PDB file of N, CA and C in Angstrom:
ATOM      1  N   MET A   1      11.919  34.302  -9.862  1.00  0.00           N
ATOM      2  CA  MET A   1      12.114  33.192  -9.141  1.00  0.00           C
ATOM      3  C   MET A   1      10.517  32.873  -8.536  1.00  0.00           C
ATOM      4  N   LEU A   2      10.267  31.403  -8.933  1.00  0.00           N
ATOM      5  CA  LEU A   2       8.971  30.861  -8.395  1.00  0.00           C
ATOM      6  C   LEU A   2       9.187  30.310  -6.938  1.00  0.00           C
ATOM      7  N   HIS A   3       8.335  30.976  -6.026  1.00  0.00           N
ATOM      8  CA  HIS A   3       8.393  30.201  -4.575  1.00  0.00           C
ATOM      9  C   HIS A   3       7.007  29.791  -4.317  1.00  0.00           C
ATOM     10  N   ILE A   4       6.972  28.532  -3.839  1.00  0.00           N
ATOM     11  CA  ILE A   4       5.604  27.967  -3.510  1.00  0.00           C
ATOM     12  C   ILE A   4       5.806  27.576  -1.852  1.00  0.00           C
ATOM     13  N   ASP A   5       5.007  28.137  -1.129  1.00  0.00           N
ATOM     14  CA  ASP A   5       5.084  27.521   0.316  1.00  0.00           C
ATOM     15  C   ASP A   5       4.162  26.489   0.568  1.00  0.00           C
ATOM     16  N   ASP A   6       4.560  25.508   1.389  1.00  0.00           N
ATOM     17  CA  ASP A   6       3.707  24.364   1.891  1.00  0.00           C
ATOM     18  C   ASP A   6       3.277  23.566   0.379  1.00  0.00           C
ATOM     19  N   ILE A   7       4.010  23.333  -0.318  1.00  0.00           N
ATOM     20  CA  ILE A   7       3.731  22.577  -1.623  1.00  0.00           C
ATOM     21  C   ILE A   7       2.985  21.376  -1.445  1.00  0.00           C
ATOM     22  N   SER A   8       1.940  21.086  -2.386  1.00  0.00           N
ATOM     23  CA  SER A   8       1.307  19.874  -2.267  1.00  0.00           C
ATOM     24  C   SER A   8       0.881  19.475  -3.507  1.00  0.00           C
ATOM     25  N   ASP A   9       0.020  18.303  -3.917  1.00  0.00           N
ATOM     26  CA  ASP A   9      -0.365  17.946  -5.016  1.00  0.00           C
ATOM     27  C   ASP A   9      -1.203  19.053  -5.918  1.00  0.00           C
ATOM     28  N   LYS A  10      -1.878  19.683  -5.184  1.00  0.00           N
ATOM     29  CA  LYS A  10      -2.600  20.828  -5.905  1.00  0.00           C
ATOM     30  C   LYS A  10      -1.741  21.725  -6.553  1.00  0.00           C
ATOM     31  N   ASN A  11      -0.381  21.767  -6.205  1.00  0.00           N
ATOM     32  CA  ASN A  11       0.306  22.878  -6.952  1.00  0.00           C
ATOM     33  C   ASN A  11       0.982  22.394  -8.091  1.00  0.00           C
ATOM     34  N   ALA A  12       0.943  20.898  -8.397  1.00  0.00           N
ATOM     35  CA  ALA A  12       1.510  20.541  -9.818  1.00  0.00           C
ATOM     36  C   ALA A  12       0.800  21.054 -10.954  1.00  0.00           C
ATOM     37  N   GLY A  13       1.787  21.492 -11.965  1.00  0.00           N
ATOM     38  CA  GLY A  13       1.201  21.946 -13.162  1.00  0.00           C
ATOM     39  C   GLY A  13       2.259  22.616 -13.779  1.00  0.00           C
ATOM     40  N   VAL A  14       1.793  23.264 -14.879  1.00  0.00           N
ATOM     41  CA  VAL A  14       2.668  24.272 -15.647  1.00  0.00           C
ATOM     42  C   VAL A  14       2.514  25.783 -15.200  1.00  0.00           C
ATOM     43  N   TYR A  15       3.490  26.428 -14.860  1.00  0.00           N
ATOM     44  CA  TYR A  15       3.307  27.836 -14.669  1.00  0.00           C
ATOM     45  C   TYR A  15       3.977  28.743 -15.839  1.00  0.00           C
ATOM     46  N   ALA A  16       3.575  29.859 -16.060  1.00  0.00           N
ATOM     47  CA  ALA A  16       4.160  30.710 -17.097  1.00  0.00           C
ATOM     48  C   ALA A  16       4.583  31.994 -16.161  1.00  0.00           C
ATOM     49  N   LEU A  17       5.836  32.198 -16.489  1.00  0.00           N
ATOM     50  CA  LEU A  17       6.596  33.156 -15.921  1.00  0.00           C
ATOM     51  C   LEU A  17       6.887  34.210 -16.994  1.00  0.00           C
ATOM     52  N   TYR A  18       6.796  35.598 -16.620  1.00  0.00           N
ATOM     53  CA  TYR A  18       6.937  36.645 -17.359  1.00  0.00           C
ATOM     54  C   TYR A  18       7.919  37.680 -16.722  1.00  0.00           C
ATOM     55  N   ILE A  19       8.908  38.101 -17.415  1.00  0.00           N
ATOM     56  CA  ILE A  19       9.959  39.049 -16.835  1.00  0.00           C
ATOM     57  C   ILE A  19       9.840  40.241 -17.577  1.00  0.00           C
ATOM     58  N   PRO A  20       9.033  41.197 -16.973  1.00  0.00           N
ATOM     59  CA  PRO A  20       8.713  42.411 -17.760  1.00  0.00           C
ATOM     60  C   PRO A  20      10.089  43.135 -18.276  1.00  0.00           C
ATOM     61  N   SER A  21      11.066  43.516 -17.408  1.00  0.00           N
ATOM     62  CA  SER A  21      12.173  44.016 -17.725  1.00  0.00           C
ATOM     63  C   SER A  21      13.012  43.375 -19.042  1.00  0.00           C
ATOM     64  N   THR A  22      12.717  42.273 -19.265  1.00  0.00           N
ATOM     65  CA  THR A  22      13.479  41.609 -20.430  1.00  0.00           C
ATOM     66  C   THR A  22      12.385  41.280 -21.579  1.00  0.00           C
ATOM     67  N   ALA A  23      11.233  41.381 -21.260  1.00  0.00           N
ATOM     68  CA  ALA A  23      10.118  41.145 -22.047  1.00  0.00           C
ATOM     69  C   ALA A  23      10.297  39.431 -22.417  1.00  0.00           C
ATOM     70  N   THR A  24      10.445  38.671 -21.426  1.00  0.00           N
ATOM     71  CA  THR A  24      10.845  37.227 -21.645  1.00  0.00           C
ATOM     72  C   THR A  24       9.826  36.556 -20.865  1.00  0.00           C
ATOM     73  N   SER A  25       9.462  35.285 -21.733  1.00  0.00           N
ATOM     74  CA  SER A  25       8.460  34.436 -20.773  1.00  0.00           C
ATOM     75  C   SER A  25       8.872  32.961 -20.905  1.00  0.00           C
ATOM     76  N   GLU A  26       8.552  32.426 -19.801  1.00  0.00           N
ATOM     77  CA  GLU A  26       9.154  30.978 -19.833  1.00  0.00           C
ATOM     78  C   GLU A  26       8.080  30.162 -19.199  1.00  0.00           C
ATOM     79  N   LEU A  27       8.124  28.849 -19.500  1.00  0.00           N
ATOM     80  CA  LEU A  27       7.015  27.972 -18.801  1.00  0.00           C
ATOM     81  C   LEU A  27       7.792  27.164 -18.064  1.00  0.00           C
ATOM     82  N   VAL A  28       7.308  26.961 -16.650  1.00  0.00           N
ATOM     83  CA  VAL A  28       8.002  26.093 -15.803  1.00  0.00           C
ATOM     84  C   VAL A  28       7.040  24.938 -15.295  1.00  0.00           C
ATOM     85  N   GLU A  29       7.434  23.641 -15.461  1.00  0.00           N
ATOM     86  CA  GLU A  29       6.465  22.600 -14.963  1.00  0.00           C
ATOM     87  C   GLU A  29       7.010  22.052 -13.536  1.00  0.00           C
ATOM     88  N   VAL A  30       5.904  22.049 -12.775  1.00  0.00           N
ATOM     89  CA  VAL A  30       6.280  21.445 -11.277  1.00  0.00           C
ATOM     90  C   VAL A  30       5.478  20.328 -11.293  1.00  0.00           C
ATOM     91  N   ILE A  31       6.460  19.265 -11.019  1.00  0.00           N
ATOM     92  CA  ILE A  31       6.042  17.697 -10.884  1.00  0.00           C
ATOM     93  C   ILE A  31       6.291  17.266  -9.518  1.00  0.00           C
ATOM     94  N   LEU A  32       5.325  16.688  -8.813  1.00  0.00           N
ATOM     95  CA  LEU A  32       5.370  16.187  -7.487  1.00  0.00           C
ATOM     96  C   LEU A  32       5.503  14.828  -7.700  1.00  0.00           C
ATOM     97  N   TYR A  33       6.138  14.138  -6.766  1.00  0.00           N
ATOM     98  CA  TYR A  33       6.323  12.894  -6.681  1.00  0.00           C
ATOM     99  C   TYR A  33       6.162  12.122  -5.231  1.00  0.00           C
ATOM    100  N   SER A  34       6.036  11.026  -5.085  1.00  0.00           N
ATOM    101  CA  SER A  34       6.059  10.485  -3.636  1.00  0.00           C
ATOM    102  C   SER A  34       7.262  10.445  -3.126  1.00  0.00           C
ATOM    103  N   ALA A  35       7.422  11.020  -1.946  1.00  0.00           N
ATOM    104  CA  ALA A  35       8.528  11.168  -1.243  1.00  0.00           C
ATOM    105  C   ALA A  35       9.006   9.564  -0.639  1.00  0.00           C
ATOM    106  N   VAL A  36       7.936   8.904  -0.397  1.00  0.00           N
ATOM    107  CA  VAL A  36       8.090   7.509   0.127  1.00  0.00           C
ATOM    108  C   VAL A  36       7.409   6.707  -0.799  1.00  0.00           C
ATOM    109  N   GLU A  37       8.130   5.456  -1.285  1.00  0.00           N
ATOM    110  CA  GLU A  37       7.580   4.508  -2.084  1.00  0.00           C
ATOM    111  C   GLU A  37       7.875   3.012  -1.631  1.00  0.00           C
ATOM    112  N   ALA A  38       7.021   2.211  -1.485  1.00  0.00           N
ATOM    113  CA  ALA A  38       7.061   0.813  -1.091  1.00  0.00           C
ATOM    114  C   ALA A  38       7.503   0.075  -2.423  1.00  0.00           C
ATOM    115  N   ASP A  39       8.260  -1.056  -2.073  1.00  0.00           N
ATOM    116  CA  ASP A  39       8.664  -1.884  -3.149  1.00  0.00           C
ATOM    117  C   ASP A  39       7.436  -2.531  -3.768  1.00  0.00           C
ATOM    118  N   LYS A  40       6.294  -2.907  -3.024  1.00  0.00           N
ATOM    119  CA  LYS A  40       5.232  -3.600  -3.198  1.00  0.00           C
ATOM    120  C   LYS A  40       4.141  -2.831  -2.671  1.00  0.00           C
ATOM    121  N   LYS A  41       2.858  -2.937  -3.013  1.00  0.00           N
ATOM    122  CA  LYS A  41       1.744  -2.391  -2.391  1.00  0.00           C
ATOM    123  C   LYS A  41       1.219  -3.429  -1.531  1.00  0.00           C
ATOM    124  N   TYR A  42       1.037  -4.657  -1.829  1.00  0.00           N
ATOM    125  CA  TYR A  42       0.322  -5.772  -1.059  1.00  0.00           C
ATOM    126  C   TYR A  42       1.493  -7.006  -0.857  1.00  0.00           C
ATOM    127  N   TYR A  43       1.397  -7.470   0.243  1.00  0.00           N
ATOM    128  CA  TYR A  43       2.410  -8.843   0.550  1.00  0.00           C
ATOM    129  C   TYR A  43       1.273  -9.866   1.106  1.00  0.00           C
ATOM    130  N   THR A  44       1.759 -11.083   0.659  1.00  0.00           N
ATOM    131  CA  THR A  44       1.018 -12.271   1.058  1.00  0.00           C
ATOM    132  C   THR A  44       1.984 -13.077   1.751  1.00  0.00           C
ATOM    133  N   VAL A  45       1.610 -13.597   2.874  1.00  0.00           N
ATOM    134  CA  VAL A  45       2.565 -14.345   3.680  1.00  0.00           C
ATOM    135  C   VAL A  45       1.749 -15.511   4.440  1.00  0.00           C
ATOM    136  N   SER A  46       2.283 -16.819   4.412  1.00  0.00           N
ATOM    137  CA  SER A  46       1.598 -17.866   5.179  1.00  0.00           C
ATOM    138  C   SER A  46       1.715 -17.530   6.722  1.00  0.00           C
ATOM    139  N   GLU A  47       0.736 -18.217   7.426  1.00  0.00           N
ATOM    140  CA  GLU A  47       0.586 -17.947   8.813  1.00  0.00           C
ATOM    141  C   GLU A  47       1.885 -18.582   9.418  1.00  0.00           C
ATOM    142  N   GLY A  48       2.548 -18.013  10.127  1.00  0.00           N
ATOM    143  CA  GLY A  48       3.869 -18.490  10.967  1.00  0.00           C
ATOM    144  C   GLY A  48       5.097 -17.922  10.262  1.00  0.00           C
ATOM    145  N   GLY A  49       4.817 -17.478   8.966  1.00  0.00           N
ATOM    146  CA  GLY A  49       5.985 -17.065   8.054  1.00  0.00           C
ATOM    147  C   GLY A  49       6.509 -15.469   8.300  1.00  0.00           C
ATOM    148  N   ASN A  50       7.493 -14.919   7.801  1.00  0.00           N
ATOM    149  CA  ASN A  50       8.066 -13.714   8.159  1.00  0.00           C
ATOM    150  C   ASN A  50       7.818 -12.858   6.718  1.00  0.00           C
ATOM    151  N   VAL A  51       7.566 -11.591   7.058  1.00  0.00           N
ATOM    152  CA  VAL A  51       7.410 -10.615   5.887  1.00  0.00           C
ATOM    153  C   VAL A  51       8.203  -9.496   6.080  1.00  0.00           C
ATOM    154  N   THR A  52       8.910  -8.978   4.876  1.00  0.00           N
ATOM    155  CA  THR A  52       9.618  -7.667   4.986  1.00  0.00           C
ATOM    156  C   THR A  52       9.175  -6.583   4.111  1.00  0.00           C
ATOM    157  N   ILE A  53       8.810  -5.543   4.575  1.00  0.00           N
ATOM    158  CA  ILE A  53       8.243  -4.356   3.996  1.00  0.00           C
ATOM    159  C   ILE A  53       9.235  -3.383   3.648  1.00  0.00           C
ATOM    160  N   THR A  54       9.777  -3.079   2.495  1.00  0.00           N
ATOM    161  CA  THR A  54      10.964  -2.145   2.400  1.00  0.00           C
ATOM    162  C   THR A  54      10.353  -1.000   1.557  1.00  0.00           C
ATOM    163  N   VAL A  55      10.977   0.071   1.943  1.00  0.00           N
ATOM    164  CA  VAL A  55      10.469   1.403   1.287  1.00  0.00           C
ATOM    165  C   VAL A  55      11.875   2.155   0.827  1.00  0.00           C
ATOM    166  N   LYS A  56      11.459   3.021  -0.127  1.00  0.00           N
ATOM    167  CA  LYS A  56      12.493   4.051  -0.857  1.00  0.00           C
ATOM    168  C   LYS A  56      11.990   5.442  -0.428  1.00  0.00           C
ATOM    169  N   VAL A  57      13.114   6.111   0.218  1.00  0.00           N
ATOM    170  CA  VAL A  57      12.868   7.425   0.519  1.00  0.00           C
ATOM    171  C   VAL A  57      13.283   8.380  -0.687  1.00  0.00           C
ATOM    172  N   ASN A  58      12.658   9.157  -1.449  1.00  0.00           N
ATOM    173  CA  ASN A  58      13.121   9.854  -2.461  1.00  0.00           C
ATOM    174  C   ASN A  58      13.329  11.365  -2.035  1.00  0.00           C
ATOM    175  N   VAL A  59      14.051  11.603  -1.071  1.00  0.00           N
ATOM    176  CA  VAL A  59      14.414  13.003  -0.792  1.00  0.00           C
ATOM    177  C   VAL A  59      15.993  13.070  -0.586  1.00  0.00           C
ATOM    178  N   GLU A  60      16.599  14.181  -0.670  1.00  0.00           N
ATOM    179  CA  GLU A  60      17.898  14.446  -0.544  1.00  0.00           C
ATOM    180  C   GLU A  60      18.129  15.646   0.564  1.00  0.00           C
ATOM    181  N   PRO A  61      18.809  15.624   1.503  1.00  0.00           N
ATOM    182  CA  PRO A  61      19.642  14.508   1.851  1.00  0.00           C
ATOM    183  C   PRO A  61      18.787  13.322   2.583  1.00  0.00           C
ATOM    184  N   ASP A  62      19.343  12.145   2.536  1.00  0.00           N
ATOM    185  CA  ASP A  62      18.601  10.969   3.137  1.00  0.00           C
ATOM    186  C   ASP A  62      18.189  11.446   4.450  1.00  0.00           C
ATOM    187  N   PRO A  63      16.940  11.256   5.116  1.00  0.00           N
ATOM    188  CA  PRO A  63      16.535  11.641   6.478  1.00  0.00           C
ATOM    189  C   PRO A  63      17.251  10.687   7.412  1.00  0.00           C
ATOM    190  N   PRO A  64      17.506  11.203   8.628  1.00  0.00           N
ATOM    191  CA  PRO A  64      18.254  10.412   9.641  1.00  0.00           C
ATOM    192  C   PRO A  64      17.174   9.174  10.121  1.00  0.00           C
ATOM    193  N   ALA A  65      17.566   8.166  10.662  1.00  0.00           N
ATOM    194  CA  ALA A  65      16.612   7.018  11.072  1.00  0.00           C
ATOM    195  C   ALA A  65      15.830   7.573  12.197  1.00  0.00           C
ATOM    196  N   ASP A  66      16.249   8.372  13.050  1.00  0.00           N
ATOM    197  CA  ASP A  66      15.511   8.994  14.205  1.00  0.00           C
ATOM    198  C   ASP A  66      14.099   9.848  13.567  1.00  0.00           C
ATOM    199  N   LYS A  67      14.191  10.104  12.381  1.00  0.00           N
ATOM    200  CA  LYS A  67      12.920  10.872  11.692  1.00  0.00           C
ATOM    201  C   LYS A  67      12.143   9.933  10.999  1.00  0.00           C
ATOM    202  N   ILE A  68      12.148   8.621  11.184  1.00  0.00           N
ATOM    203  CA  ILE A  68      11.417   7.531  10.564  1.00  0.00           C
ATOM    204  C   ILE A  68      10.707   6.810  11.599  1.00  0.00           C
ATOM    205  N   THR A  69       9.561   6.811  11.418  1.00  0.00           N
ATOM    206  CA  THR A  69       8.570   5.888  12.472  1.00  0.00           C
ATOM    207  C   THR A  69       7.485   4.951  11.702  1.00  0.00           C
ATOM    208  N   TRP A  70       7.141   3.857  12.089  1.00  0.00           N
ATOM    209  CA  TRP A  70       6.327   3.061  11.699  1.00  0.00           C
ATOM    210  C   TRP A  70       5.139   2.618  12.552  1.00  0.00           C
ATOM    211  N   SER A  71       3.915   2.458  11.696  1.00  0.00           N
ATOM    212  CA  SER A  71       2.809   1.966  12.865  1.00  0.00           C
ATOM    213  C   SER A  71       1.822   1.153  11.956  1.00  0.00           C
ATOM    214  N   LYS A  72       1.030   0.552  12.559  1.00  0.00           N
ATOM    215  CA  LYS A  72      -0.039  -0.134  11.888  1.00  0.00           C
ATOM    216  C   LYS A  72      -1.228   0.669  12.097  1.00  0.00           C
ATOM    217  N   HIS A  73      -2.040   0.878  10.984  1.00  0.00           N
ATOM    218  CA  HIS A  73      -3.027   1.732  10.995  1.00  0.00           C
ATOM    219  C   HIS A  73      -4.210   1.183  11.767  1.00  0.00           C
ATOM    220  N   PRO A  74      -5.012   1.699  12.558  1.00  0.00           N
ATOM    221  CA  PRO A  74      -4.945   3.278  12.702  1.00  0.00           C
ATOM    222  C   PRO A  74      -4.150   3.502  14.027  1.00  0.00           C
ATOM    223  N   GLY A  75      -2.796   3.869  13.843  1.00  0.00           N
ATOM    224  CA  GLY A  75      -2.152   4.338  14.898  1.00  0.00           C
ATOM    225  C   GLY A  75      -1.541   3.614  16.007  1.00  0.00           C
ATOM    226  N   LYS A  76      -1.549   2.120  15.620  1.00  0.00           N
ATOM    227  CA  LYS A  76      -1.063   1.208  16.865  1.00  0.00           C
ATOM    228  C   LYS A  76       0.414   1.227  16.679  1.00  0.00           C
ATOM    229  N   GLN A  77       1.266   1.484  17.681  1.00  0.00           N
ATOM    230  CA  GLN A  77       2.618   1.255  17.797  1.00  0.00           C
ATOM    231  C   GLN A  77       3.073  -0.225  17.554  1.00  0.00           C
ATOM    232  N   LEU A  78       4.149  -0.321  16.937  1.00  0.00           N
ATOM    233  CA  LEU A  78       4.735  -1.566  16.755  1.00  0.00           C
ATOM    234  C   LEU A  78       5.705  -2.020  17.874  1.00  0.00           C
ATOM    235  N   LYS A  79       5.427  -3.007  18.725  1.00  0.00           N
ATOM    236  CA  LYS A  79       6.120  -3.139  19.966  1.00  0.00           C
ATOM    237  C   LYS A  79       6.189  -4.765  20.035  1.00  0.00           C
ATOM    238  N   GLY A  80       7.246  -5.184  20.593  1.00  0.00           N
ATOM    239  CA  GLY A  80       7.719  -6.524  20.717  1.00  0.00           C
ATOM    240  C   GLY A  80       8.664  -7.245  19.723  1.00  0.00           C
ATOM    241  N   ASP A  81       9.035  -8.426  20.071  1.00  0.00           N
ATOM    242  CA  ASP A  81      10.054  -9.102  19.286  1.00  0.00           C
ATOM    243  C   ASP A  81       9.452  -9.447  17.930  1.00  0.00           C
ATOM    244  N   LYS A  82       8.324  -9.280  17.509  1.00  0.00           N
ATOM    245  CA  LYS A  82       7.647  -9.559  16.155  1.00  0.00           C
ATOM    246  C   LYS A  82       8.142  -8.678  15.082  1.00  0.00           C
ATOM    247  N   TYR A  83       8.247  -7.401  15.493  1.00  0.00           N
ATOM    248  CA  TYR A  83       8.820  -6.340  14.697  1.00  0.00           C
ATOM    249  C   TYR A  83      10.176  -5.994  14.644  1.00  0.00           C
ATOM    250  N   LEU A  84      10.896  -6.143  13.632  1.00  0.00           N
ATOM    251  CA  LEU A  84      12.300  -5.662  13.513  1.00  0.00           C
ATOM    252  C   LEU A  84      12.597  -4.732  12.546  1.00  0.00           C
ATOM    253  N   LEU A  85      13.016  -3.498  12.818  1.00  0.00           N
ATOM    254  CA  LEU A  85      13.464  -2.351  11.800  1.00  0.00           C
ATOM    255  C   LEU A  85      14.780  -2.429  11.528  1.00  0.00           C
ATOM    256  N   SER A  86      15.082  -2.299  10.129  1.00  0.00           N
ATOM    257  CA  SER A  86      16.485  -2.289   9.752  1.00  0.00           C
ATOM    258  C   SER A  86      17.198  -0.980  10.466  1.00  0.00           C
ATOM    259  N   GLU A  87      18.464  -0.935  10.512  1.00  0.00           N
ATOM    260  CA  GLU A  87      19.213   0.186  11.110  1.00  0.00           C
ATOM    261  C   GLU A  87      18.682   1.590  10.552  1.00  0.00           C
ATOM    262  N   ASP A  88      18.478   1.562   9.245  1.00  0.00           N
ATOM    263  CA  ASP A  88      18.038   2.892   8.664  1.00  0.00           C
ATOM    264  C   ASP A  88      16.565   3.111   8.592  1.00  0.00           C
ATOM    265  N   LYS A  89      15.908   2.049   9.239  1.00  0.00           N
ATOM    266  CA  LYS A  89      14.461   2.016   9.454  1.00  0.00           C
ATOM    267  C   LYS A  89      13.619   1.934   8.252  1.00  0.00           C
ATOM    268  N   LYS A  90      14.266   1.687   6.809  1.00  0.00           N
ATOM    269  CA  LYS A  90      13.526   1.803   5.735  1.00  0.00           C
ATOM    270  C   LYS A  90      12.808   0.263   5.499  1.00  0.00           C
ATOM    271  N   SER A  91      13.110  -0.619   6.239  1.00  0.00           N
ATOM    272  CA  SER A  91      12.506  -2.018   6.283  1.00  0.00           C
ATOM    273  C   SER A  91      12.132  -2.387   7.463  1.00  0.00           C
ATOM    274  N   LEU A  92      10.813  -3.000   7.365  1.00  0.00           N
ATOM    275  CA  LEU A  92      10.133  -3.573   8.649  1.00  0.00           C
ATOM    276  C   LEU A  92       9.901  -4.992   8.532  1.00  0.00           C
ATOM    277  N   GLU A  93      10.492  -5.841   9.177  1.00  0.00           N
ATOM    278  CA  GLU A  93      10.197  -7.320   9.290  1.00  0.00           C
ATOM    279  C   GLU A  93       9.123  -7.786  10.184  1.00  0.00           C
ATOM    280  N   ILE A  94       8.310  -8.525   9.989  1.00  0.00           N
ATOM    281  CA  ILE A  94       7.189  -8.936  10.880  1.00  0.00           C
ATOM    282  C   ILE A  94       7.380 -10.236  10.837  1.00  0.00           C
ATOM    283  N   LYS A  95       7.785 -10.905  12.081  1.00  0.00           N
ATOM    284  CA  LYS A  95       8.198 -12.315  12.196  1.00  0.00           C
ATOM    285  C   LYS A  95       6.927 -13.272  12.781  1.00  0.00           C
ATOM    286  N   GLY A  96       6.816 -14.358  12.408  1.00  0.00           N
ATOM    287  CA  GLY A  96       5.707 -15.286  12.851  1.00  0.00           C
ATOM    288  C   GLY A  96       4.381 -14.648  12.666  1.00  0.00           C
ATOM    289  N   VAL A  97       4.008 -14.195  11.473  1.00  0.00           N
ATOM    290  CA  VAL A  97       2.843 -13.557  11.204  1.00  0.00           C
ATOM    291  C   VAL A  97       1.507 -14.537  11.464  1.00  0.00           C
ATOM    292  N   THR A  98       0.626 -13.684  12.101  1.00  0.00           N
ATOM    293  CA  THR A  98      -0.712 -14.315  12.474  1.00  0.00           C
ATOM    294  C   THR A  98      -1.726 -13.353  11.867  1.00  0.00           C
ATOM    295  N   ALA A  99      -2.917 -13.941  11.987  1.00  0.00           N
ATOM    296  CA  ALA A  99      -4.107 -13.060  11.406  1.00  0.00           C
ATOM    297  C   ALA A  99      -3.874 -11.665  12.034  1.00  0.00           C
ATOM    298  N   SER A 100      -3.724 -11.558  13.232  1.00  0.00           N
ATOM    299  CA  SER A 100      -3.723 -10.204  13.876  1.00  0.00           C
ATOM    300  C   SER A 100      -2.593  -9.314  13.471  1.00  0.00           C
ATOM    301  N   GLU A 101      -1.780  -9.715  12.413  1.00  0.00           N
ATOM    302  CA  GLU A 101      -0.816  -8.789  11.841  1.00  0.00           C
ATOM    303  C   GLU A 101      -1.333  -8.357  10.561  1.00  0.00           C
ATOM    304  N   ALA A 102      -2.319  -8.638  10.254  1.00  0.00           N
ATOM    305  CA  ALA A 102      -2.993  -8.343   8.791  1.00  0.00           C
ATOM    306  C   ALA A 102      -3.416  -6.942   9.029  1.00  0.00           C
ATOM    307  N   GLY A 103      -3.235  -5.974   8.048  1.00  0.00           N
ATOM    308  CA  GLY A 103      -3.644  -4.744   7.951  1.00  0.00           C
ATOM    309  C   GLY A 103      -2.840  -4.013   7.163  1.00  0.00           C
ATOM    310  N   THR A 104      -2.887  -2.575   7.385  1.00  0.00           N
ATOM    311  CA  THR A 104      -2.283  -1.652   6.574  1.00  0.00           C
ATOM    312  C   THR A 104      -1.132  -1.086   7.693  1.00  0.00           C
ATOM    313  N   TYR A 105       0.124  -0.989   7.031  1.00  0.00           N
ATOM    314  CA  TYR A 105       1.189  -0.561   7.851  1.00  0.00           C
ATOM    315  C   TYR A 105       1.578   1.016   7.228  1.00  0.00           C
ATOM    316  N   ARG A 106       1.826   1.732   8.131  1.00  0.00           N
ATOM    317  CA  ARG A 106       2.362   3.051   7.621  1.00  0.00           C
ATOM    318  C   ARG A 106       3.670   3.569   7.954  1.00  0.00           C
ATOM    319  N   ILE A 107       4.385   4.184   7.125  1.00  0.00           N
ATOM    320  CA  ILE A 107       5.726   4.906   7.704  1.00  0.00           C
ATOM    321  C   ILE A 107       5.606   6.340   7.576  1.00  0.00           C
ATOM    322  N   GLN A 108       6.212   6.978   8.623  1.00  0.00           N
ATOM    323  CA  GLN A 108       6.141   8.559   8.493  1.00  0.00           C
ATOM    324  C   GLN A 108       7.625   9.023   8.750  1.00  0.00           C
ATOM    325  N   VAL A 109       7.940   9.837   7.718  1.00  0.00           N
ATOM    326  CA  VAL A 109       9.265  10.443   7.457  1.00  0.00           C
ATOM    327  C   VAL A 109       9.104  11.878   7.785  1.00  0.00           C
ATOM    328  N   LYS A 110       9.841  12.453   8.709  1.00  0.00           N
ATOM    329  CA  LYS A 110       9.726  13.903   8.878  1.00  0.00           C
ATOM    330  C   LYS A 110      10.933  14.497   8.281  1.00  0.00           C
ATOM    331  N   PHE A 111      10.856  15.451   7.591  1.00  0.00           N
ATOM    332  CA  PHE A 111      11.858  16.171   6.735  1.00  0.00           C
ATOM    333  C   PHE A 111      12.077  17.359   7.371  1.00  0.00           C
TER     334      PHE A 111
END
């Protein structure tokens, strides 16, 4: 059995396993992928328009909505009627966009 604690990108690769009692060896490939992926990397919207950022969470089981939070980088909480989250929190709608909404938005999912 191959067991890797606190797996991260640095653990990706091919591992050779050897079982002495059977003189058997096998190659095991560890592939890591993004747990959260956005539909698009960049969004363009006219001032006063609305924009919706949607993500896909690639884990099973699907995390509950209370484990998902959004913020505007660096660490600004999203408050007010401008910001609407879908019920599952995988989509963020920003209404009536102005220049102050330009920036990087982050989603954090706790597994």
